[in-house]
Amino acid sequence: VEGGGMSAVPASRRVISRVGNMVARPLFGTGVRDVTNGFRAVRTDLFLSWPLGERDFAVIVEELDWALRSGLEPAEFPTVLTARTGEQRATAFSYSPRLVLSYLRYPLRAAGRRLRGRSRG
């Protein structure tokens, strides 16, 4: 998003972020550029109606899936992704195969729903 970006993020994390977004964006069928951005605002009653099942960082992709399924049109604002340092390291995570598969589950399901919807219409 214009005005956003990455600062002091290791090259490997930059690649993972860019590739992940390049894969997920068309699968979700959305123009949202950063599908893993955890800064979201949504009405509490709507958020509480979503049967979220993820218990780790992949919940942000599950949330986006439910937002899109609920007919919301996400709006983005500029944010800057930075590397975690010092006290923030406690919230760091690794891109394990399990986490990557959890991330992919939701955009793949979204693509499947869109394809099924087209075949009916």
N, C-alpha and C. Protein backbone atom coordinates (compact mmCIF):
# COMPACT_ATOMS: atom_id res chain seq x y z
N VAL A 1 0.86 -1.17 0.00
CA VAL A 1 0.00 0.00 0.00
C VAL A 1 0.90 1.23 0.00
N GLU A 2 0.54 2.21 -0.76
CA GLU A 2 1.33 3.45 -0.82
C GLU A 2 1.59 3.98 0.58
N GLY A 3 2.86 4.19 0.89
CA GLY A 3 3.25 4.68 2.21
C GLY A 3 3.63 3.59 3.18
N GLY A 4 3.35 2.34 2.85
CA GLY A 4 3.71 1.22 3.70
C GLY A 4 4.99 0.58 3.21
N GLY A 5 5.42 -0.48 3.88
CA GLY A 5 6.61 -1.18 3.42
C GLY A 5 7.20 -2.06 4.50
N MET A 6 8.49 -2.32 4.38
CA MET A 6 9.22 -3.15 5.33
C MET A 6 10.49 -2.42 5.73
N SER A 7 10.84 -2.52 7.00
CA SER A 7 12.03 -1.85 7.51
C SER A 7 12.84 -2.82 8.36
N ALA A 8 14.09 -3.03 7.99
CA ALA A 8 15.02 -3.89 8.74
C ALA A 8 14.52 -5.34 8.85
N VAL A 9 13.73 -5.76 7.87
CA VAL A 9 13.21 -7.12 7.84
C VAL A 9 14.22 -7.98 7.08
N PRO A 10 14.62 -9.13 7.64
CA PRO A 10 15.57 -10.00 6.94
C PRO A 10 15.05 -10.40 5.56
N ALA A 11 15.97 -10.59 4.63
CA ALA A 11 15.60 -10.92 3.25
C ALA A 11 14.71 -12.16 3.18
N SER A 12 15.00 -13.17 3.98
CA SER A 12 14.19 -14.39 3.93
C SER A 12 12.74 -14.11 4.32
N ARG A 13 12.55 -13.25 5.31
CA ARG A 13 11.18 -12.93 5.73
C ARG A 13 10.48 -12.07 4.68
N ARG A 14 11.23 -11.19 4.01
CA ARG A 14 10.66 -10.38 2.93
C ARG A 14 10.14 -11.28 1.81
N VAL A 15 10.96 -12.26 1.44
CA VAL A 15 10.58 -13.18 0.36
C VAL A 15 9.33 -13.96 0.75
N ILE A 16 9.32 -14.49 1.96
CA ILE A 16 8.16 -15.26 2.43
C ILE A 16 6.90 -14.39 2.39
N SER A 17 7.00 -13.17 2.87
CA SER A 17 5.85 -12.26 2.89
C SER A 17 5.36 -11.96 1.48
N ARG A 18 6.27 -11.63 0.60
CA ARG A 18 5.87 -11.28 -0.78
C ARG A 18 5.28 -12.47 -1.53
N VAL A 19 5.94 -13.63 -1.42
CA VAL A 19 5.44 -14.82 -2.12
C VAL A 19 4.08 -15.23 -1.54
N GLY A 20 3.98 -15.22 -0.22
CA GLY A 20 2.71 -15.58 0.42
C GLY A 20 1.57 -14.71 -0.06
N ASN A 21 1.80 -13.41 -0.14
CA ASN A 21 0.76 -12.50 -0.61
C ASN A 21 0.46 -12.69 -2.09
N MET A 22 1.49 -12.96 -2.89
CA MET A 22 1.28 -13.20 -4.33
C MET A 22 0.43 -14.45 -4.55
N VAL A 23 0.57 -15.44 -3.69
CA VAL A 23 -0.21 -16.68 -3.81
C VAL A 23 -1.62 -16.48 -3.25
N ALA A 24 -1.72 -15.90 -2.07
CA ALA A 24 -3.01 -15.81 -1.38
C ALA A 24 -3.97 -14.81 -2.01
N ARG A 25 -3.46 -13.69 -2.48
CA ARG A 25 -4.34 -12.63 -3.02
C ARG A 25 -5.25 -13.16 -4.13
N PRO A 26 -4.73 -13.81 -5.18
CA PRO A 26 -5.64 -14.30 -6.23
C PRO A 26 -6.51 -15.45 -5.75
N LEU A 27 -6.01 -16.28 -4.84
CA LEU A 27 -6.83 -17.37 -4.33
C LEU A 27 -8.02 -16.84 -3.55
N PHE A 28 -7.79 -15.81 -2.74
CA PHE A 28 -8.89 -15.17 -2.01
C PHE A 28 -9.79 -14.38 -2.94
N GLY A 29 -9.25 -13.96 -4.09
CA GLY A 29 -10.04 -13.14 -5.02
C GLY A 29 -10.23 -11.73 -4.48
N THR A 30 -9.20 -11.21 -3.84
CA THR A 30 -9.29 -9.89 -3.24
C THR A 30 -8.15 -9.02 -3.72
N GLY A 31 -8.34 -7.74 -3.62
CA GLY A 31 -7.29 -6.79 -3.95
C GLY A 31 -6.43 -6.45 -2.74
N VAL A 32 -6.74 -7.03 -1.59
CA VAL A 32 -5.96 -6.77 -0.38
C VAL A 32 -4.51 -7.17 -0.66
N ARG A 33 -3.61 -6.23 -0.47
CA ARG A 33 -2.20 -6.50 -0.81
C ARG A 33 -1.48 -7.26 0.29
N ASP A 34 -1.84 -7.06 1.54
CA ASP A 34 -1.15 -7.74 2.64
C ASP A 34 -2.16 -8.59 3.40
N VAL A 35 -2.34 -9.82 2.96
CA VAL A 35 -3.36 -10.69 3.57
C VAL A 35 -2.99 -11.13 4.97
N THR A 36 -1.74 -10.97 5.36
CA THR A 36 -1.34 -11.39 6.71
C THR A 36 -1.14 -10.21 7.65
N ASN A 37 -1.63 -9.05 7.28
CA ASN A 37 -1.53 -7.89 8.17
C ASN A 37 -2.47 -8.11 9.34
N GLY A 38 -1.94 -8.09 10.54
CA GLY A 38 -2.74 -8.35 11.73
C GLY A 38 -3.45 -7.15 12.29
N PHE A 39 -3.33 -5.99 11.66
CA PHE A 39 -4.01 -4.79 12.15
C PHE A 39 -5.35 -4.68 11.45
N ARG A 40 -6.41 -5.09 12.15
CA ARG A 40 -7.74 -5.09 11.55
C ARG A 40 -8.74 -4.48 12.51
N ALA A 41 -9.77 -3.92 11.95
CA ALA A 41 -10.88 -3.41 12.74
C ALA A 41 -12.16 -3.98 12.15
N VAL A 42 -13.00 -4.50 13.01
CA VAL A 42 -14.28 -5.08 12.57
C VAL A 42 -15.26 -4.95 13.74
N ARG A 43 -16.51 -4.84 13.41
CA ARG A 43 -17.53 -4.75 14.47
C ARG A 43 -17.43 -5.98 15.38
N THR A 44 -17.51 -5.76 16.66
CA THR A 44 -17.36 -6.85 17.63
C THR A 44 -18.41 -7.93 17.43
N ASP A 45 -19.67 -7.56 17.20
CA ASP A 45 -20.71 -8.58 17.05
C ASP A 45 -20.44 -9.46 15.84
N LEU A 46 -19.95 -8.89 14.76
CA LEU A 46 -19.65 -9.68 13.57
C LEU A 46 -18.45 -10.58 13.85
N PHE A 47 -17.40 -10.01 14.43
CA PHE A 47 -16.20 -10.80 14.75
C PHE A 47 -16.56 -11.99 15.64
N LEU A 48 -17.38 -11.76 16.65
CA LEU A 48 -17.75 -12.84 17.57
C LEU A 48 -18.63 -13.91 16.91
N SER A 49 -19.24 -13.59 15.77
CA SER A 49 -20.08 -14.57 15.08
C SER A 49 -19.25 -15.54 14.23
N TRP A 50 -17.98 -15.22 14.01
CA TRP A 50 -17.13 -16.08 13.19
C TRP A 50 -16.60 -17.24 14.03
N PRO A 51 -16.79 -18.47 13.61
CA PRO A 51 -16.31 -19.63 14.38
C PRO A 51 -14.82 -19.89 14.14
N LEU A 52 -14.00 -18.98 14.63
CA LEU A 52 -12.55 -19.09 14.41
C LEU A 52 -12.00 -20.32 15.12
N GLY A 53 -11.16 -21.06 14.41
CA GLY A 53 -10.62 -22.29 14.97
C GLY A 53 -9.11 -22.25 15.19
N GLU A 54 -8.42 -21.33 14.51
CA GLU A 54 -6.96 -21.27 14.65
C GLU A 54 -6.59 -20.73 16.02
N ARG A 55 -5.50 -21.27 16.56
CA ARG A 55 -5.04 -20.83 17.87
C ARG A 55 -3.62 -20.29 17.83
N ASP A 56 -3.15 -19.99 16.62
CA ASP A 56 -1.81 -19.41 16.49
C ASP A 56 -1.88 -18.29 15.46
N PHE A 57 -0.74 -17.91 14.93
CA PHE A 57 -0.68 -16.75 14.05
C PHE A 57 -1.52 -16.89 12.78
N ALA A 58 -1.85 -18.09 12.37
CA ALA A 58 -2.66 -18.29 11.16
C ALA A 58 -4.08 -17.75 11.33
N VAL A 59 -4.47 -17.39 12.54
CA VAL A 59 -5.80 -16.85 12.76
C VAL A 59 -6.02 -15.58 11.94
N ILE A 60 -4.96 -14.83 11.62
CA ILE A 60 -5.16 -13.60 10.86
C ILE A 60 -5.63 -13.89 9.43
N VAL A 61 -5.22 -15.03 8.88
CA VAL A 61 -5.67 -15.41 7.55
C VAL A 61 -7.09 -15.96 7.64
N GLU A 62 -7.38 -16.70 8.70
CA GLU A 62 -8.74 -17.19 8.92
C GLU A 62 -9.71 -16.02 9.10
N GLU A 63 -9.29 -14.98 9.83
CA GLU A 63 -10.13 -13.80 10.01
C GLU A 63 -10.44 -13.13 8.67
N LEU A 64 -9.43 -13.00 7.83
CA LEU A 64 -9.67 -12.40 6.51
C LEU A 64 -10.65 -13.24 5.71
N ASP A 65 -10.52 -14.56 5.78
CA ASP A 65 -11.44 -15.44 5.08
C ASP A 65 -12.87 -15.18 5.54
N TRP A 66 -13.09 -15.11 6.84
CA TRP A 66 -14.44 -14.85 7.36
C TRP A 66 -14.92 -13.46 6.99
N ALA A 67 -14.03 -12.48 6.99
CA ALA A 67 -14.44 -11.12 6.60
C ALA A 67 -14.94 -11.11 5.16
N LEU A 68 -14.18 -11.75 4.27
CA LEU A 68 -14.59 -11.81 2.86
C LEU A 68 -15.87 -12.62 2.70
N ARG A 69 -15.99 -13.72 3.42
CA ARG A 69 -17.21 -14.54 3.36
C ARG A 69 -18.42 -13.77 3.88
N SER A 70 -18.18 -12.83 4.79
CA SER A 70 -19.27 -12.03 5.36
C SER A 70 -19.64 -10.85 4.47
N GLY A 71 -18.97 -10.73 3.33
CA GLY A 71 -19.28 -9.67 2.39
C GLY A 71 -18.60 -8.34 2.69
N LEU A 72 -17.64 -8.35 3.61
CA LEU A 72 -16.93 -7.11 3.91
C LEU A 72 -15.95 -6.77 2.80
N GLU A 73 -15.80 -5.52 2.54
CA GLU A 73 -14.82 -5.04 1.58
C GLU A 73 -13.68 -4.43 2.38
N PRO A 74 -12.60 -5.18 2.55
CA PRO A 74 -11.49 -4.67 3.38
C PRO A 74 -10.87 -3.41 2.80
N ALA A 75 -10.51 -2.51 3.69
CA ALA A 75 -9.78 -1.30 3.32
C ALA A 75 -8.40 -1.41 3.95
N GLU A 76 -7.40 -0.95 3.24
CA GLU A 76 -6.04 -1.01 3.76
C GLU A 76 -5.51 0.38 4.03
N PHE A 77 -4.63 0.44 5.01
CA PHE A 77 -3.93 1.69 5.30
C PHE A 77 -2.45 1.36 5.41
N PRO A 78 -1.59 2.33 5.18
CA PRO A 78 -0.16 2.05 5.18
C PRO A 78 0.36 1.62 6.55
N THR A 79 1.07 0.52 6.56
CA THR A 79 1.78 0.06 7.76
C THR A 79 3.19 -0.32 7.33
N VAL A 80 4.08 -0.34 8.28
CA VAL A 80 5.45 -0.72 8.00
C VAL A 80 5.78 -1.95 8.84
N LEU A 81 6.10 -3.04 8.16
CA LEU A 81 6.51 -4.27 8.83
C LEU A 81 7.96 -4.09 9.26
N THR A 82 8.23 -4.37 10.53
CA THR A 82 9.59 -4.25 11.05
C THR A 82 10.03 -5.57 11.65
N ALA A 83 11.32 -5.72 11.82
CA ALA A 83 11.87 -6.92 12.46
C ALA A 83 11.65 -6.81 13.96
N ARG A 84 11.31 -7.91 14.58
CA ARG A 84 11.14 -7.93 16.04
C ARG A 84 12.51 -7.94 16.70
N THR A 85 12.63 -7.13 17.73
CA THR A 85 13.89 -7.08 18.46
C THR A 85 13.60 -7.04 19.96
N GLY A 86 14.59 -7.36 20.75
CA GLY A 86 14.49 -7.24 22.20
C GLY A 86 13.28 -7.93 22.78
N GLU A 87 12.47 -7.18 23.50
CA GLU A 87 11.29 -7.73 24.17
C GLU A 87 10.28 -8.31 23.19
N GLN A 88 10.25 -7.80 21.97
CA GLN A 88 9.29 -8.28 20.98
C GLN A 88 9.59 -9.69 20.49
N ARG A 89 10.82 -10.17 20.68
CA ARG A 89 11.18 -11.52 20.21
C ARG A 89 10.27 -12.58 20.80
N ALA A 90 9.70 -12.33 21.95
CA ALA A 90 8.81 -13.32 22.57
C ALA A 90 7.60 -13.60 21.69
N THR A 91 7.24 -12.67 20.82
CA THR A 91 6.08 -12.88 19.94
C THR A 91 6.48 -13.40 18.57
N ALA A 92 7.75 -13.65 18.38
CA ALA A 92 8.22 -14.15 17.08
C ALA A 92 7.76 -15.59 16.87
N PHE A 93 7.75 -16.01 15.63
CA PHE A 93 7.35 -17.37 15.29
C PHE A 93 8.18 -17.81 14.10
N SER A 94 8.19 -19.10 13.86
CA SER A 94 8.91 -19.59 12.68
C SER A 94 7.89 -20.07 11.66
N TYR A 95 8.29 -20.02 10.41
CA TYR A 95 7.41 -20.47 9.33
C TYR A 95 7.58 -21.98 9.18
N SER A 96 7.00 -22.72 10.10
CA SER A 96 7.06 -24.18 10.04
C SER A 96 6.14 -24.67 8.93
N PRO A 97 6.35 -25.89 8.44
CA PRO A 97 5.43 -26.43 7.43
C PRO A 97 3.98 -26.42 7.91
N ARG A 98 3.75 -26.69 9.18
CA ARG A 98 2.40 -26.70 9.73
C ARG A 98 1.76 -25.31 9.63
N LEU A 99 2.54 -24.26 9.95
CA LEU A 99 2.01 -22.90 9.88
C LEU A 99 1.73 -22.52 8.43
N VAL A 100 2.62 -22.85 7.52
CA VAL A 100 2.42 -22.53 6.11
C VAL A 100 1.16 -23.23 5.59
N LEU A 101 0.96 -24.48 5.95
CA LEU A 101 -0.25 -25.20 5.53
C LEU A 101 -1.51 -24.57 6.13
N SER A 102 -1.41 -24.12 7.38
CA SER A 102 -2.55 -23.43 7.99
C SER A 102 -2.88 -22.16 7.24
N TYR A 103 -1.85 -21.39 6.86
CA TYR A 103 -2.06 -20.18 6.08
C TYR A 103 -2.73 -20.49 4.75
N LEU A 104 -2.26 -21.52 4.07
CA LEU A 104 -2.78 -21.85 2.74
C LEU A 104 -4.20 -22.39 2.76
N ARG A 105 -4.58 -23.02 3.84
CA ARG A 105 -5.90 -23.64 3.94
C ARG A 105 -7.01 -22.65 3.57
N TYR A 106 -6.94 -21.44 4.07
CA TYR A 106 -8.04 -20.48 3.89
C TYR A 106 -8.10 -19.88 2.49
N PRO A 107 -7.00 -19.46 1.90
CA PRO A 107 -7.12 -18.99 0.52
C PRO A 107 -7.52 -20.10 -0.45
N LEU A 108 -7.05 -21.33 -0.20
CA LEU A 108 -7.46 -22.45 -1.06
C LEU A 108 -8.95 -22.73 -0.94
N ARG A 109 -9.46 -22.69 0.27
CA ARG A 109 -10.91 -22.87 0.47
C ARG A 109 -11.70 -21.76 -0.22
N ALA A 110 -11.20 -20.53 -0.12
CA ALA A 110 -11.88 -19.40 -0.76
C ALA A 110 -11.92 -19.59 -2.27
N ALA A 111 -10.81 -20.03 -2.85
CA ALA A 111 -10.78 -20.27 -4.29
C ALA A 111 -11.76 -21.38 -4.66
N GLY A 112 -11.83 -22.43 -3.85
CA GLY A 112 -12.78 -23.52 -4.10
C GLY A 112 -14.21 -23.03 -4.06
N ARG A 113 -14.54 -22.18 -3.09
CA ARG A 113 -15.91 -21.63 -3.01
C ARG A 113 -16.24 -20.81 -4.24
N ARG A 114 -15.27 -19.99 -4.69
CA ARG A 114 -15.51 -19.17 -5.89
C ARG A 114 -15.71 -20.04 -7.12
N LEU A 115 -14.90 -21.08 -7.27
CA LEU A 115 -15.04 -21.99 -8.42
C LEU A 115 -16.38 -22.72 -8.39
N ARG A 116 -16.79 -23.18 -7.22
CA ARG A 116 -18.10 -23.86 -7.11
C ARG A 116 -19.22 -22.91 -7.44
N GLY A 117 -19.09 -21.64 -7.01
CA GLY A 117 -20.10 -20.63 -7.30
C GLY A 117 -20.22 -20.35 -8.79
N ARG A 118 -19.11 -20.36 -9.50
CA ARG A 118 -19.12 -20.12 -10.95
C ARG A 118 -19.74 -21.29 -11.70
N SER A 119 -19.47 -22.50 -11.22
CA SER A 119 -19.99 -23.67 -11.93
C SER A 119 -21.51 -23.77 -11.78
N ARG A 120 -22.06 -23.19 -10.74
CA ARG A 120 -23.52 -23.20 -10.54
C ARG A 120 -24.20 -22.13 -11.36
N GLY A 121 -23.47 -21.05 -11.63
CA GLY A 121 -24.07 -19.88 -12.28
C GLY A 121 -23.90 -19.94 -13.71
